[in-house]
Protein backbone atom coordinates (compact mmCIF):
# COMPACT_ATOMS: atom_id res chain seq x y z
CA MET A 1 100.27 197.71 295.28
CA ALA A 2 98.77 195.19 297.69
CA PRO A 3 98.16 196.45 301.23
CA ALA A 4 100.70 195.42 303.84
CA PRO A 5 99.59 192.40 305.87
CA ARG A 6 98.27 193.15 309.34
CA ARG A 7 100.46 192.47 312.32
CA PRO A 8 99.56 189.56 314.59
CA ARG A 9 96.95 190.89 316.99
CA ILE A 10 95.38 190.22 320.32
CA TYR A 11 91.97 191.32 321.54
CA PHE A 12 91.98 192.20 325.23
CA SER A 13 89.42 193.45 327.73
CA PHE A 14 89.83 195.13 331.10
CA ARG A 15 86.71 193.25 332.24
CA SER A 16 88.25 189.80 331.84
CA PRO A 17 90.59 188.29 334.45
CA TYR A 18 91.76 185.80 331.81
CA SER A 19 92.74 188.68 329.56
CA TRP A 20 94.66 190.23 332.47
CA LEU A 21 96.51 186.95 333.07
CA ALA A 22 97.32 186.59 329.37
CA PHE A 23 98.83 190.09 329.45
CA HIS A 24 100.82 189.14 332.54
CA ASP A 25 102.15 185.94 330.96
CA LEU A 26 103.15 187.60 327.71
CA THR A 27 104.79 190.63 329.32
CA THR A 28 106.76 188.57 331.83
CA ARG A 29 107.70 185.65 329.57
CA ARG A 30 107.63 186.97 325.98
CA PRO A 31 108.11 190.78 326.17
CA HIS A 32 109.52 191.02 322.65
CA VAL A 33 106.32 189.44 321.31
CA VAL A 34 104.20 191.95 323.23
CA ASP A 35 105.79 194.86 321.39
CA ALA A 36 105.22 193.19 318.01
CA LEU A 37 101.48 192.65 318.50
CA GLU A 38 98.59 194.88 317.53
CA TRP A 39 96.60 195.33 320.74
CA ARG A 40 92.86 195.67 320.08
CA PRO A 41 90.31 196.53 322.81
CA PHE A 42 87.18 194.42 323.33
CA TRP A 43 84.35 195.71 325.49
CA GLU A 44 80.59 195.68 325.86
CA PRO A 45 79.47 198.98 324.28
CA ASP A 46 77.16 201.44 325.99
CA ALA A 47 73.94 202.54 324.26
CA HIS A 48 75.69 205.38 322.40
CA SER A 49 78.46 203.17 321.03
CA GLU A 50 76.05 200.36 320.23
CA ARG A 51 73.89 202.75 318.18
CA LEU A 52 76.92 204.02 316.28
CA LEU A 53 78.08 200.45 315.74
CA ALA A 54 74.70 199.41 314.33
CA GLU A 55 74.69 202.44 312.02
CA ALA A 56 78.10 201.31 310.73
CA GLY A 57 76.75 197.82 310.01
CA GLY A 58 78.22 195.99 312.99
CA ARG A 59 76.92 194.21 316.07
CA PHE A 60 78.28 193.01 319.41
CA PRO A 61 77.73 189.39 320.55
CA TYR A 62 75.92 189.52 323.91
CA THR A 63 75.30 186.34 325.91
CA PRO A 64 74.28 186.40 329.60
CA MET A 65 76.61 184.64 332.04
CA SER A 66 75.08 181.91 334.17
CA ARG A 67 75.46 181.97 337.95
CA GLU A 68 77.03 178.49 337.81
CA LYS A 69 79.74 179.58 335.39
CA HIS A 70 80.40 182.74 337.37
CA LEU A 71 81.00 180.65 340.50
CA TYR A 72 83.34 178.33 338.62
CA MET A 73 85.22 181.23 337.07
CA LEU A 74 85.93 182.84 340.44
CA GLY A 75 87.52 179.69 341.80
CA ASP A 76 89.39 179.07 338.56
CA VAL A 77 90.90 182.54 338.51
CA ARG A 78 92.03 182.17 342.11
CA ARG A 79 93.88 178.99 341.13
CA LEU A 80 95.51 180.65 338.13
CA THR A 81 96.61 183.75 340.04
CA ALA A 82 98.01 181.67 342.91
CA ARG A 83 100.15 179.73 340.44
CA ARG A 84 101.63 183.00 339.22
CA GLY A 85 102.27 184.38 342.68
CA LEU A 86 99.62 187.06 342.17
CA THR A 87 96.90 188.26 344.52
CA VAL A 88 93.53 189.07 342.99
CA THR A 89 90.83 191.37 344.36
CA TRP A 90 87.29 191.03 343.08
CA PRO A 91 85.89 194.25 341.61
CA GLN A 92 82.54 195.44 342.90
CA ASP A 93 80.98 196.10 339.50
CA VAL A 94 77.45 197.26 340.23
CA GLU A 95 76.93 199.26 337.05
CA PRO A 96 80.14 198.94 334.99
CA TRP A 97 80.67 201.35 332.12
CA TRP A 98 83.42 199.99 329.90
CA GLU A 99 83.75 203.05 327.64
CA ALA A 100 85.54 204.89 330.44
CA SER A 101 88.59 202.61 330.36
CA HIS A 102 88.57 201.25 326.80
CA LEU A 103 88.11 204.61 325.08
CA ALA A 104 90.81 206.01 327.34
CA TYR A 105 93.02 203.24 325.97
CA VAL A 106 92.39 204.69 322.49
CA VAL A 107 93.79 207.98 323.81
CA ALA A 108 96.76 206.27 325.45
CA ALA A 109 97.57 204.27 322.30
CA ALA A 110 97.51 207.46 320.23
CA GLU A 111 100.05 208.95 322.64
CA GLY A 112 102.29 205.87 322.33
CA ARG A 113 101.51 204.71 325.88
CA GLY A 114 99.01 201.99 325.15
CA LEU A 115 100.83 199.06 326.75
CA ALA A 116 101.73 201.06 329.86
CA PHE A 117 98.08 202.07 330.20
CA ILE A 118 96.88 198.47 329.80
CA ASP A 119 99.24 197.36 332.54
CA ARG A 120 98.20 200.17 334.89
CA VAL A 121 94.46 199.61 334.41
CA TYR A 122 94.75 195.85 334.90
CA ARG A 123 96.59 196.38 338.18
CA ALA A 124 94.03 198.94 339.27
CA ARG A 125 91.08 196.69 338.59
CA TRP A 126 92.36 193.25 339.55
CA GLN A 127 94.82 194.02 342.33
CA GLU A 128 93.92 197.42 343.78
CA ASN A 129 90.10 197.19 343.72
CA LEU A 130 89.75 200.55 341.95
CA ASP A 131 86.65 201.47 339.97
CA ILE A 132 87.74 201.77 336.34
CA SER A 133 84.25 202.90 335.35
CA ASP A 134 84.93 206.16 337.18
CA ARG A 135 86.28 208.93 334.96
CA ALA A 136 88.35 210.53 337.71
CA THR A 137 90.02 207.20 338.47
CA ILE A 138 90.85 206.75 334.79
CA GLY A 139 92.34 210.23 334.69
CA ARG A 140 94.62 209.40 337.62
CA LEU A 141 95.69 206.09 336.07
CA ALA A 142 96.44 207.82 332.79
CA ALA A 143 98.59 210.40 334.57
CA ASP A 144 100.49 207.57 336.29
CA VAL A 145 101.80 206.39 332.90
CA GLY A 146 102.34 209.77 331.27
CA VAL A 147 99.05 210.03 329.36
CA ASP A 148 97.12 213.31 329.26
CA PRO A 149 94.70 212.79 332.18
CA ALA A 150 92.09 215.25 330.90
CA ALA A 151 91.99 213.61 327.47
CA ALA A 152 91.70 210.14 329.01
CA GLU A 153 89.04 211.23 331.49
CA LYS A 154 86.91 212.84 328.80
CA ALA A 155 87.56 210.29 326.04
CA SER A 156 83.90 209.29 325.72
CA ASP A 157 82.95 212.94 325.08
CA ASP A 158 85.39 213.29 322.19
CA ASP A 159 83.71 212.56 318.84
CA HIS A 160 87.00 211.52 317.26
CA VAL A 161 87.75 209.05 320.05
CA ARG A 162 84.18 207.70 319.87
CA ALA A 163 84.67 207.18 316.13
CA GLU A 164 87.93 205.32 316.78
CA GLY A 165 86.06 203.23 319.33
CA VAL A 166 83.41 202.31 316.76
CA ARG A 167 86.16 201.23 314.37
CA ALA A 168 87.53 199.01 317.13
CA LEU A 169 84.08 197.52 317.70
CA LEU A 170 83.74 196.94 313.95
CA ASP A 171 87.04 195.06 314.01
CA ILE A 172 85.57 192.78 316.69
CA HIS A 173 82.60 192.15 314.40
CA ARG A 174 84.65 191.64 311.23
CA ASP A 175 87.21 189.38 312.88
CA ASP A 176 84.41 187.25 314.40
CA VAL A 177 85.78 187.76 317.90
CA PHE A 178 83.48 186.33 320.56
CA GLY A 179 85.63 186.43 323.68
CA VAL A 180 89.03 187.33 325.09
CA PRO A 181 91.91 186.88 325.09
CA PHE A 182 91.66 186.27 321.34
CA PHE A 183 94.74 185.94 319.13
CA ILE A 184 94.89 186.24 315.34
CA HIS A 185 97.74 185.65 312.92
CA ARG A 186 96.84 185.69 309.25
CA ARG A 187 93.98 183.20 308.91
CA GLN A 188 94.58 181.42 312.21
CA LYS A 189 92.65 182.30 315.35
CA PHE A 190 93.13 181.23 318.95
CA TRP A 191 90.84 181.85 321.90
CA GLY A 192 91.66 181.71 325.59
CA ILE A 193 94.68 181.93 327.86
CA ASP A 194 95.38 178.24 327.30
CA ARG A 195 96.03 178.91 323.59
CA ILE A 196 98.95 181.30 324.05
CA ALA A 197 101.50 178.56 323.25
CA ASP A 198 99.68 177.67 320.03
CA PHE A 199 99.64 181.33 319.00
CA LEU A 200 103.35 181.70 319.75
CA GLU A 201 104.06 178.58 317.73
CA VAL A 202 102.46 179.94 314.56
CA LEU A 203 104.43 183.15 315.10
CA GLY A 204 107.62 181.08 315.19
CA GLU A 205 108.29 182.54 318.63
CA LEU A 206 107.81 179.54 320.87
CA GLY A 207 111.48 178.57 321.00
CA GLU A 208 112.36 176.77 324.19
CA GLU A 209 109.48 175.90 326.42
CA PRO A 210 109.12 178.52 329.15
CA THR A 211 109.48 177.50 332.75
CA PRO A 212 106.18 175.86 333.72
CA ILE A 213 103.97 177.74 336.12
CA PRO A 214 103.93 175.64 339.31
CA ALA A 215 100.71 174.00 340.34
CA ALA A 216 98.86 175.34 343.35
CA PRO A 217 96.39 173.60 345.63
CA PRO A 218 92.75 174.02 344.57
CA THR A 219 90.96 176.90 346.25
CA ALA A 220 87.32 177.04 347.15
CA PRO A 221 85.11 179.22 344.94
CA VAL A 222 84.01 182.52 346.42
CA PRO A 223 80.47 183.87 346.14
CA ALA A 224 79.49 185.38 342.81
CA LEU A 225 79.17 189.12 342.56
CA ASP A 226 76.07 190.91 341.34
CA ALA A 227 77.42 192.49 338.17
CA HIS A 228 76.38 193.04 334.59
CA SER A 229 78.58 190.93 332.35
CA SER A 230 78.56 188.81 329.25
CA ASP A 231 79.67 185.23 328.79
CA HIS A 232 81.68 184.22 325.75
CA GLY A 233 82.39 180.56 326.37
CA HIS A 234 84.80 178.43 328.34
CA ALA A 235 86.63 179.58 331.44
CA GLY A 236 89.89 180.15 329.58
CA GLY A 237 88.19 182.81 327.51
CA CYS A 238 86.38 185.90 328.61
CA GLY A 239 85.25 185.94 332.21
C-alpha cells in the first residue's frame, strides 16, 4: 500500500518577523486552513543539534545577514505591522539560542498544543519583548497555554526531544527549505509572506479575495540590532 500523501505544510521560525506575520494573517483570515496544515519548525541549530544533524546526513544553510538588509528589514516590518494594526517590539538578541523555543514547540505539539504555543511565543518575542532563549521564560509561556512547563523548559535536555528536533532539521534539508515562511503542497513550493495567496490558491482555499490590508505611510528604518542571525533571501522571507 502506498504511503498516505503528506498534508500541506508550512515551515515557521520564532526568529522571523515575517513568519510571525504569516501566522497572524493565516490565523485571523484563514483559521480553517491553519488547522489543516502541518506546522514544521525552522531554526538555526546549536552545536549539539548541528553535530547530530551532520551525523544523520543533513546540513543547515547558513548565510550571514548584511547590515544593509537588516536596516531595510526593520523598516519593512514596521510598515507591515502598522498595516495590520499591530505594534512590534524589537528583541534584544545578544546571544540567541533557538533550541529553547523550537524544541519546546516539539513538546507542545506532542501535547496537542502546538498552535497555541506558536501564538504565545510569537506574542512574547515580537510584542512583549521577552527573551525566548531563556528556559524559565519558555516554561512560563508553555504554562500559559496548558503545556507541561517543566517538559518545555528542559526540552533540550531530553534525548527523545533532541532526536525529534534532528528529524525536523532533516526535513528542512530534504525539503530544500532555505527561509521562512515556506509553504509546500505536493511538488509546489512557495517562499515568503507575499506568497500566501498563491499557496492558498493551489490548496483550492482562496475563495473570495480577503479584505485588503490597508496601506500605511512609510516609516523610517530604525537602527539595526547587534544579533547573530542568518539571511535567507528577500525581505518577504526570513528576517
